[in-house]
Amino acid sequence: MSKKPMSRKLKAIFKFFAAILVINVIVGVAGIAFMMLYYGEVDGQGQAALVTFMILNTIFASPVALYLYWWELHPVQTPESDQYNDHRQ
């Protein structure tokens, strides 16, 4: 049985959400590490601040992820890149 390859649009949507997830994981780990080093613990107020920061980060990271999504669907064409060029012409 051969697996059907994923379409470009589906891959791009996957990369869009993966980019947001990766950025939030990095922010979350860095925030927890900072709070542990600076305060010695992560209390309820720290957790609320971290969740709020991650939500705001998602809003502001979305343009970056959206750019990755757009770039995946509309690759840059150069004379050297023949990946998407039609050789039958």
PDB file of N, CA and C in Angstrom:
ATOM      1  N   MET A   1       0.835  -1.190   0.000  1.00  0.00           N
ATOM      2  CA  MET A   1       0.000   0.000   0.000  1.00  0.00           C
ATOM      3  C   MET A   1       0.875   1.246   0.000  1.00  0.00           C
ATOM      4  N   SER A   2       0.565   2.126  -0.895  1.00  0.00           N
ATOM      5  CA  SER A   2       1.304   3.383  -0.937  1.00  0.00           C
ATOM      6  C   SER A   2       0.462   4.486  -0.299  1.00  0.00           C
ATOM      7  N   LYS A   3       1.153   5.306   0.455  1.00  0.00           N
ATOM      8  CA  LYS A   3       0.455   6.410   1.112  1.00  0.00           C
ATOM      9  C   LYS A   3       0.278   7.555   0.127  1.00  0.00           C
ATOM     10  N   LYS A   4      -0.886   8.170   0.182  1.00  0.00           N
ATOM     11  CA  LYS A   4      -1.160   9.332  -0.658  1.00  0.00           C
ATOM     12  C   LYS A   4      -0.406  10.532  -0.076  1.00  0.00           C
ATOM     13  N   PRO A   5       0.393  11.227  -0.888  1.00  0.00           N
ATOM     14  CA  PRO A   5       1.139  12.368  -0.343  1.00  0.00           C
ATOM     15  C   PRO A   5       0.201  13.503   0.067  1.00  0.00           C
ATOM     16  N   MET A   6       0.638  14.233   1.093  1.00  0.00           N
ATOM     17  CA  MET A   6      -0.146  15.367   1.575  1.00  0.00           C
ATOM     18  C   MET A   6      -0.108  16.499   0.552  1.00  0.00           C
ATOM     19  N   SER A   7      -1.219  17.181   0.395  1.00  0.00           N
ATOM     20  CA  SER A   7      -1.261  18.305  -0.532  1.00  0.00           C
ATOM     21  C   SER A   7      -0.465  19.482   0.032  1.00  0.00           C
ATOM     22  N   ARG A   8      -0.080  20.388  -0.858  1.00  0.00           N
ATOM     23  CA  ARG A   8       0.697  21.553  -0.427  1.00  0.00           C
ATOM     24  C   ARG A   8      -0.090  22.417   0.538  1.00  0.00           C
ATOM     25  N   LYS A   9      -1.396  22.540   0.288  1.00  0.00           N
ATOM     26  CA  LYS A   9      -2.231  23.374   1.151  1.00  0.00           C
ATOM     27  C   LYS A   9      -2.314  22.780   2.556  1.00  0.00           C
ATOM     28  N   LEU A  10      -2.460  21.463   2.645  1.00  0.00           N
ATOM     29  CA  LEU A  10      -2.536  20.804   3.946  1.00  0.00           C
ATOM     30  C   LEU A  10      -1.208  20.914   4.691  1.00  0.00           C
ATOM     31  N   LYS A  11      -0.094  20.770   3.964  1.00  0.00           N
ATOM     32  CA  LYS A  11       1.223  20.936   4.583  1.00  0.00           C
ATOM     33  C   LYS A  11       1.396  22.355   5.112  1.00  0.00           C
ATOM     34  N   ALA A  12       0.941  23.325   4.330  1.00  0.00           N
ATOM     35  CA  ALA A  12       1.077  24.725   4.736  1.00  0.00           C
ATOM     36  C   ALA A  12       0.246  25.019   5.977  1.00  0.00           C
ATOM     37  N   ILE A  13      -0.966  24.483   6.041  1.00  0.00           N
ATOM     38  CA  ILE A  13      -1.799  24.678   7.235  1.00  0.00           C
ATOM     39  C   ILE A  13      -1.141  24.023   8.441  1.00  0.00           C
ATOM     40  N   PHE A  14      -0.572  22.831   8.247  1.00  0.00           N
ATOM     41  CA  PHE A  14       0.133  22.147   9.331  1.00  0.00           C
ATOM     42  C   PHE A  14       1.309  22.987   9.820  1.00  0.00           C
ATOM     43  N   LYS A  15       2.082  23.551   8.884  1.00  0.00           N
ATOM     44  CA  LYS A  15       3.220  24.386   9.276  1.00  0.00           C
ATOM     45  C   LYS A  15       2.765  25.651   9.997  1.00  0.00           C
ATOM     46  N   PHE A  16       1.618  26.200   9.597  1.00  0.00           N
ATOM     47  CA  PHE A  16       1.071  27.393  10.242  1.00  0.00           C
ATOM     48  C   PHE A  16       0.837  27.134  11.729  1.00  0.00           C
ATOM     49  N   PHE A  17       0.119  26.052  12.046  1.00  0.00           N
ATOM     50  CA  PHE A  17      -0.178  25.755  13.443  1.00  0.00           C
ATOM     51  C   PHE A  17       1.053  25.236  14.186  1.00  0.00           C
ATOM     52  N   ALA A  18       1.936  24.535  13.492  1.00  0.00           N
ATOM     53  CA  ALA A  18       3.160  24.054  14.128  1.00  0.00           C
ATOM     54  C   ALA A  18       4.061  25.223  14.525  1.00  0.00           C
ATOM     55  N   ALA A  19       4.124  26.254  13.678  1.00  0.00           N
ATOM     56  CA  ALA A  19       4.949  27.419  14.000  1.00  0.00           C
ATOM     57  C   ALA A  19       4.422  28.126  15.243  1.00  0.00           C
ATOM     58  N   ILE A  20       3.109  28.290  15.342  1.00  0.00           N
ATOM     59  CA  ILE A  20       2.523  28.916  16.528  1.00  0.00           C
ATOM     60  C   ILE A  20       2.791  28.061  17.763  1.00  0.00           C
ATOM     61  N   LEU A  21       2.639  26.755  17.639  1.00  0.00           N
ATOM     62  CA  LEU A  21       2.862  25.856  18.773  1.00  0.00           C
ATOM     63  C   LEU A  21       4.318  25.899  19.230  1.00  0.00           C
ATOM     64  N   VAL A  22       5.248  25.843  18.292  1.00  0.00           N
ATOM     65  CA  VAL A  22       6.672  25.862  18.648  1.00  0.00           C
ATOM     66  C   VAL A  22       7.043  27.176  19.319  1.00  0.00           C
ATOM     67  N   ILE A  23       6.555  28.283  18.787  1.00  0.00           N
ATOM     68  CA  ILE A  23       6.855  29.583  19.387  1.00  0.00           C
ATOM     69  C   ILE A  23       6.306  29.647  20.810  1.00  0.00           C
ATOM     70  N   ASN A  24       5.090  29.136  21.028  1.00  0.00           N
ATOM     71  CA  ASN A  24       4.509  29.165  22.367  1.00  0.00           C
ATOM     72  C   ASN A  24       5.230  28.235  23.327  1.00  0.00           C
ATOM     73  N   VAL A  25       5.699  27.103  22.858  1.00  0.00           N
ATOM     74  CA  VAL A  25       6.459  26.201  23.733  1.00  0.00           C
ATOM     75  C   VAL A  25       7.759  26.872  24.163  1.00  0.00           C
ATOM     76  N   ILE A  26       8.436  27.517  23.231  1.00  0.00           N
ATOM     77  CA  ILE A  26       9.680  28.216  23.571  1.00  0.00           C
ATOM     78  C   ILE A  26       9.409  29.324  24.583  1.00  0.00           C
ATOM     79  N   VAL A  27       8.362  30.106  24.345  1.00  0.00           N
ATOM     80  CA  VAL A  27       8.011  31.190  25.270  1.00  0.00           C
ATOM     81  C   VAL A  27       7.623  30.623  26.633  1.00  0.00           C
ATOM     82  N   GLY A  28       6.858  29.545  26.646  1.00  0.00           N
ATOM     83  CA  GLY A  28       6.430  28.942  27.909  1.00  0.00           C
ATOM     84  C   GLY A  28       7.595  28.415  28.722  1.00  0.00           C
ATOM     85  N   VAL A  29       8.496  27.694  28.075  1.00  0.00           N
ATOM     86  CA  VAL A  29       9.661  27.148  28.783  1.00  0.00           C
ATOM     87  C   VAL A  29      10.557  28.277  29.279  1.00  0.00           C
ATOM     88  N   ALA A  30      10.770  29.290  28.441  1.00  0.00           N
ATOM     89  CA  ALA A  30      11.598  30.422  28.866  1.00  0.00           C
ATOM     90  C   ALA A  30      10.944  31.175  30.019  1.00  0.00           C
ATOM     91  N   GLY A  31       9.627  31.345  29.968  1.00  0.00           N
ATOM     92  CA  GLY A  31       8.923  32.031  31.056  1.00  0.00           C
ATOM     93  C   GLY A  31       8.998  31.273  32.362  1.00  0.00           C
ATOM     94  N   ILE A  32       8.810  29.962  32.306  1.00  0.00           N
ATOM     95  CA  ILE A  32       8.898  29.146  33.526  1.00  0.00           C
ATOM     96  C   ILE A  32      10.319  29.163  34.069  1.00  0.00           C
ATOM     97  N   ALA A  33      11.313  29.031  33.184  1.00  0.00           N
ATOM     98  CA  ALA A  33      12.709  29.059  33.634  1.00  0.00           C
ATOM     99  C   ALA A  33      13.043  30.400  34.277  1.00  0.00           C
ATOM    100  N   PHE A  34      12.580  31.496  33.676  1.00  0.00           N
ATOM    101  CA  PHE A  34      12.840  32.819  34.246  1.00  0.00           C
ATOM    102  C   PHE A  34      12.207  32.945  35.627  1.00  0.00           C
ATOM    103  N   MET A  35      10.943  32.508  35.746  1.00  0.00           N
ATOM    104  CA  MET A  35      10.271  32.614  37.049  1.00  0.00           C
ATOM    105  C   MET A  35      10.941  31.736  38.099  1.00  0.00           C
ATOM    106  N   MET A  36      11.386  30.558  37.703  1.00  0.00           N
ATOM    107  CA  MET A  36      12.047  29.669  38.662  1.00  0.00           C
ATOM    108  C   MET A  36      13.380  30.265  39.109  1.00  0.00           C
ATOM    109  N   LEU A  37      14.123  30.847  38.174  1.00  0.00           N
ATOM    110  CA  LEU A  37      15.412  31.434  38.534  1.00  0.00           C
ATOM    111  C   LEU A  37      15.243  32.720  39.336  1.00  0.00           C
ATOM    112  N   TYR A  38      14.272  33.533  38.967  1.00  0.00           N
ATOM    113  CA  TYR A  38      14.119  34.843  39.598  1.00  0.00           C
ATOM    114  C   TYR A  38      13.348  34.764  40.913  1.00  0.00           C
ATOM    115  N   TYR A  39      12.233  34.018  40.910  1.00  0.00           N
ATOM    116  CA  TYR A  39      11.377  33.969  42.091  1.00  0.00           C
ATOM    117  C   TYR A  39      11.522  32.680  42.885  1.00  0.00           C
ATOM    118  N   GLY A  40      12.062  31.641  42.292  1.00  0.00           N
ATOM    119  CA  GLY A  40      12.212  30.372  42.987  1.00  0.00           C
ATOM    120  C   GLY A  40      10.995  29.475  42.890  1.00  0.00           C
ATOM    121  N   GLU A  41       9.890  29.998  42.389  1.00  0.00           N
ATOM    122  CA  GLU A  41       8.677  29.193  42.232  1.00  0.00           C
ATOM    123  C   GLU A  41       7.770  29.860  41.201  1.00  0.00           C
ATOM    124  N   VAL A  42       6.775  29.108  40.768  1.00  0.00           N
ATOM    125  CA  VAL A  42       5.769  29.652  39.860  1.00  0.00           C
ATOM    126  C   VAL A  42       4.441  29.579  40.597  1.00  0.00           C
ATOM    127  N   ASP A  43       3.990  30.716  41.111  1.00  0.00           N
ATOM    128  CA  ASP A  43       2.726  30.733  41.857  1.00  0.00           C
ATOM    129  C   ASP A  43       1.558  30.973  40.898  1.00  0.00           C
ATOM    130  N   GLY A  44       0.372  31.125  41.452  1.00  0.00           N
ATOM    131  CA  GLY A  44      -0.824  31.309  40.634  1.00  0.00           C
ATOM    132  C   GLY A  44      -0.779  32.558  39.787  1.00  0.00           C
ATOM    133  N   GLN A  45      -0.268  33.638  40.366  1.00  0.00           N
ATOM    134  CA  GLN A  45      -0.173  34.888  39.611  1.00  0.00           C
ATOM    135  C   GLN A  45       0.835  34.749  38.470  1.00  0.00           C
ATOM    136  N   GLY A  46       1.911  34.037  38.731  1.00  0.00           N
ATOM    137  CA  GLY A  46       2.903  33.795  37.678  1.00  0.00           C
ATOM    138  C   GLY A  46       2.342  32.939  36.559  1.00  0.00           C
ATOM    139  N   GLN A  47       1.553  31.933  36.927  1.00  0.00           N
ATOM    140  CA  GLN A  47       0.923  31.089  35.905  1.00  0.00           C
ATOM    141  C   GLN A  47      -0.048  31.907  35.060  1.00  0.00           C
ATOM    142  N   ALA A  48      -0.832  32.762  35.713  1.00  0.00           N
ATOM    143  CA  ALA A  48      -1.781  33.602  34.974  1.00  0.00           C
ATOM    144  C   ALA A  48      -1.041  34.554  34.037  1.00  0.00           C
ATOM    145  N   ALA A  49       0.056  35.131  34.523  1.00  0.00           N
ATOM    146  CA  ALA A  49       0.842  36.034  33.679  1.00  0.00           C
ATOM    147  C   ALA A  49       1.437  35.283  32.493  1.00  0.00           C
ATOM    148  N   LEU A  50       1.904  34.059  32.744  1.00  0.00           N
ATOM    149  CA  LEU A  50       2.498  33.265  31.671  1.00  0.00           C
ATOM    150  C   LEU A  50       1.457  32.885  30.618  1.00  0.00           C
ATOM    151  N   VAL A  51       0.275  32.491  31.064  1.00  0.00           N
ATOM    152  CA  VAL A  51      -0.792  32.139  30.118  1.00  0.00           C
ATOM    153  C   VAL A  51      -1.209  33.371  29.317  1.00  0.00           C
ATOM    154  N   THR A  52      -1.333  34.507  29.989  1.00  0.00           N
ATOM    155  CA  THR A  52      -1.681  35.747  29.285  1.00  0.00           C
ATOM    156  C   THR A  52      -0.610  36.106  28.263  1.00  0.00           C
ATOM    157  N   PHE A  53       0.646  35.968  28.669  1.00  0.00           N
ATOM    158  CA  PHE A  53       1.742  36.272  27.757  1.00  0.00           C
ATOM    159  C   PHE A  53       1.732  35.332  26.556  1.00  0.00           C
ATOM    160  N   MET A  54       1.423  34.051  26.785  1.00  0.00           N
ATOM    161  CA  MET A  54       1.380  33.091  25.680  1.00  0.00           C
ATOM    162  C   MET A  54       0.219  33.394  24.731  1.00  0.00           C
ATOM    163  N   ILE A  55      -0.901  33.857  25.273  1.00  0.00           N
ATOM    164  CA  ILE A  55      -2.033  34.234  24.414  1.00  0.00           C
ATOM    165  C   ILE A  55      -1.663  35.452  23.568  1.00  0.00           C
ATOM    166  N   LEU A  56      -1.059  36.458  24.206  1.00  0.00           N
ATOM    167  CA  LEU A  56      -0.615  37.632  23.449  1.00  0.00           C
ATOM    168  C   LEU A  56       0.451  37.251  22.427  1.00  0.00           C
ATOM    169  N   ASN A  57       1.329  36.335  22.809  1.00  0.00           N
ATOM    170  CA  ASN A  57       2.365  35.875  21.892  1.00  0.00           C
ATOM    171  C   ASN A  57       1.752  35.173  20.684  1.00  0.00           C
ATOM    172  N   THR A  58       0.681  34.421  20.913  1.00  0.00           N
ATOM    173  CA  THR A  58      -0.005  33.765  19.797  1.00  0.00           C
ATOM    174  C   THR A  58      -0.560  34.805  18.835  1.00  0.00           C
ATOM    175  N   ILE A  59      -1.120  35.870  19.383  1.00  0.00           N
ATOM    176  CA  ILE A  59      -1.681  36.924  18.532  1.00  0.00           C
ATOM    177  C   ILE A  59      -0.579  37.596  17.717  1.00  0.00           C
ATOM    178  N   PHE A  60       0.553  37.889  18.367  1.00  0.00           N
ATOM    179  CA  PHE A  60       1.615  38.586  17.665  1.00  0.00           C
ATOM    180  C   PHE A  60       2.502  37.648  16.857  1.00  0.00           C
ATOM    181  N   ALA A  61       2.504  36.353  17.177  1.00  0.00           N
ATOM    182  CA  ALA A  61       3.281  35.388  16.394  1.00  0.00           C
ATOM    183  C   ALA A  61       2.515  34.930  15.165  1.00  0.00           C
ATOM    184  N   SER A  62       1.217  35.157  15.147  1.00  0.00           N
ATOM    185  CA  SER A  62       0.416  34.718  14.009  1.00  0.00           C
ATOM    186  C   SER A  62       0.869  35.327  12.683  1.00  0.00           C
ATOM    187  N   PRO A  63       1.266  36.607  12.631  1.00  0.00           N
ATOM    188  CA  PRO A  63       1.770  37.111  11.346  1.00  0.00           C
ATOM    189  C   PRO A  63       2.999  36.350  10.845  1.00  0.00           C
ATOM    190  N   VAL A  64       3.876  35.933  11.758  1.00  0.00           N
ATOM    191  CA  VAL A  64       5.044  35.146  11.349  1.00  0.00           C
ATOM    192  C   VAL A  64       4.595  33.803  10.794  1.00  0.00           C
ATOM    193  N   ALA A  65       3.681  33.149  11.505  1.00  0.00           N
ATOM    194  CA  ALA A  65       3.175  31.866  11.035  1.00  0.00           C
ATOM    195  C   ALA A  65       2.400  32.034   9.733  1.00  0.00           C
ATOM    196  N   LEU A  66       1.673  33.135   9.611  1.00  0.00           N
ATOM    197  CA  LEU A  66       0.922  33.395   8.381  1.00  0.00           C
ATOM    198  C   LEU A  66       1.874  33.617   7.209  1.00  0.00           C
ATOM    199  N   TYR A  67       3.002  34.280   7.474  1.00  0.00           N
ATOM    200  CA  TYR A  67       4.015  34.445   6.429  1.00  0.00           C
ATOM    201  C   TYR A  67       4.546  33.089   5.983  1.00  0.00           C
ATOM    202  N   LEU A  68       4.823  32.184   6.930  1.00  0.00           N
ATOM    203  CA  LEU A  68       5.286  30.844   6.568  1.00  0.00           C
ATOM    204  C   LEU A  68       4.239  30.117   5.737  1.00  0.00           C
ATOM    205  N   TYR A  69       2.977  30.295   6.107  1.00  0.00           N
ATOM    206  CA  TYR A  69       1.875  29.679   5.369  1.00  0.00           C
ATOM    207  C   TYR A  69       1.833  30.220   3.944  1.00  0.00           C
ATOM    208  N   TRP A  70       1.946  31.534   3.782  1.00  0.00           N
ATOM    209  CA  TRP A  70       1.916  32.154   2.462  1.00  0.00           C
ATOM    210  C   TRP A  70       3.118  31.713   1.632  1.00  0.00           C
ATOM    211  N   TRP A  71       4.292  31.673   2.241  1.00  0.00           N
ATOM    212  CA  TRP A  71       5.520  31.312   1.544  1.00  0.00           C
ATOM    213  C   TRP A  71       5.467  29.864   1.068  1.00  0.00           C
ATOM    214  N   GLU A  72       4.827  29.001   1.849  1.00  0.00           N
ATOM    215  CA  GLU A  72       4.707  27.597   1.459  1.00  0.00           C
ATOM    216  C   GLU A  72       3.806  27.450   0.234  1.00  0.00           C
ATOM    217  N   LEU A  73       2.757  28.261   0.166  1.00  0.00           N
ATOM    218  CA  LEU A  73       1.840  28.160  -0.968  1.00  0.00           C
ATOM    219  C   LEU A  73       2.325  28.938  -2.192  1.00  0.00           C
ATOM    220  N   HIS A  74       3.157  29.943  -1.991  1.00  0.00           N
ATOM    221  CA  HIS A  74       3.638  30.778  -3.092  1.00  0.00           C
ATOM    222  C   HIS A  74       5.163  30.869  -3.032  1.00  0.00           C
ATOM    223  N   PRO A  75       5.864  29.818  -3.433  1.00  0.00           N
ATOM    224  CA  PRO A  75       7.329  29.832  -3.337  1.00  0.00           C
ATOM    225  C   PRO A  75       7.938  30.873  -4.275  1.00  0.00           C
ATOM    226  N   VAL A  76       9.091  31.374  -3.893  1.00  0.00           N
ATOM    227  CA  VAL A  76       9.786  32.382  -4.683  1.00  0.00           C
ATOM    228  C   VAL A  76      10.373  31.708  -5.923  1.00  0.00           C
ATOM    229  N   GLN A  77      10.116  32.305  -7.073  1.00  0.00           N
ATOM    230  CA  GLN A  77      10.639  31.762  -8.327  1.00  0.00           C
ATOM    231  C   GLN A  77      11.890  32.539  -8.733  1.00  0.00           C
ATOM    232  N   THR A  78      12.958  31.824  -8.945  1.00  0.00           N
ATOM    233  CA  THR A  78      14.178  32.422  -9.475  1.00  0.00           C
ATOM    234  C   THR A  78      14.597  31.612 -10.697  1.00  0.00           C
ATOM    235  N   PRO A  79      15.432  32.193 -11.551  1.00  0.00           N
ATOM    236  CA  PRO A  79      15.879  31.417 -12.721  1.00  0.00           C
ATOM    237  C   PRO A  79      16.624  30.135 -12.336  1.00  0.00           C
ATOM    238  N   GLU A  80      17.281  30.148 -11.165  1.00  0.00           N
ATOM    239  CA  GLU A  80      18.041  28.973 -10.741  1.00  0.00           C
ATOM    240  C   GLU A  80      17.146  27.874 -10.174  1.00  0.00           C
ATOM    241  N   SER A  81      15.986  28.246  -9.640  1.00  0.00           N
ATOM    242  CA  SER A  81      15.121  27.240  -9.022  1.00  0.00           C
ATOM    243  C   SER A  81      14.169  26.672 -10.062  1.00  0.00           C
ATOM    244  N   ASP A  82      14.356  25.419 -10.381  1.00  0.00           N
ATOM    245  CA  ASP A  82      13.478  24.784 -11.360  1.00  0.00           C
ATOM    246  C   ASP A  82      12.557  23.774 -10.689  1.00  0.00           C
ATOM    247  N   GLN A  83      12.382  23.915  -9.394  1.00  0.00           N
ATOM    248  CA  GLN A  83      11.569  22.958  -8.648  1.00  0.00           C
ATOM    249  C   GLN A  83      10.118  22.960  -9.130  1.00  0.00           C
ATOM    250  N   TYR A  84       9.589  24.138  -9.436  1.00  0.00           N
ATOM    251  CA  TYR A  84       8.194  24.240  -9.837  1.00  0.00           C
ATOM    252  C   TYR A  84       8.044  24.608 -11.316  1.00  0.00           C
ATOM    253  N   ASN A  85       9.149  24.706 -12.030  1.00  0.00           N
ATOM    254  CA  ASN A  85       9.071  25.072 -13.440  1.00  0.00           C
ATOM    255  C   ASN A  85       8.635  23.878 -14.271  1.00  0.00           C
ATOM    256  N   ASP A  86       7.903  24.163 -15.318  1.00  0.00           N
ATOM    257  CA  ASP A  86       7.419  23.116 -16.214  1.00  0.00           C
ATOM    258  C   ASP A  86       8.474  22.887 -17.299  1.00  0.00           C
ATOM    259  N   HIS A  87       9.053  21.698 -17.325  1.00  0.00           N
ATOM    260  CA  HIS A  87      10.119  21.409 -18.286  1.00  0.00           C
ATOM    261  C   HIS A  87       9.570  21.063 -19.667  1.00  0.00           C
ATOM    262  N   ARG A  88       8.263  20.949 -19.793  1.00  0.00           N
ATOM    263  CA  ARG A  88       7.672  20.579 -21.079  1.00  0.00           C
ATOM    264  C   ARG A  88       7.599  21.760 -22.031  1.00  0.00           C
ATOM    265  N   GLN A  89       7.811  22.952 -21.542  1.00  0.00           N
ATOM    266  CA  GLN A  89       7.700  24.131 -22.415  1.00  0.00           C
ATOM    267  C   GLN A  89       8.928  24.266 -23.298  1.00  0.00           C
TER     268      GLN A  89
END
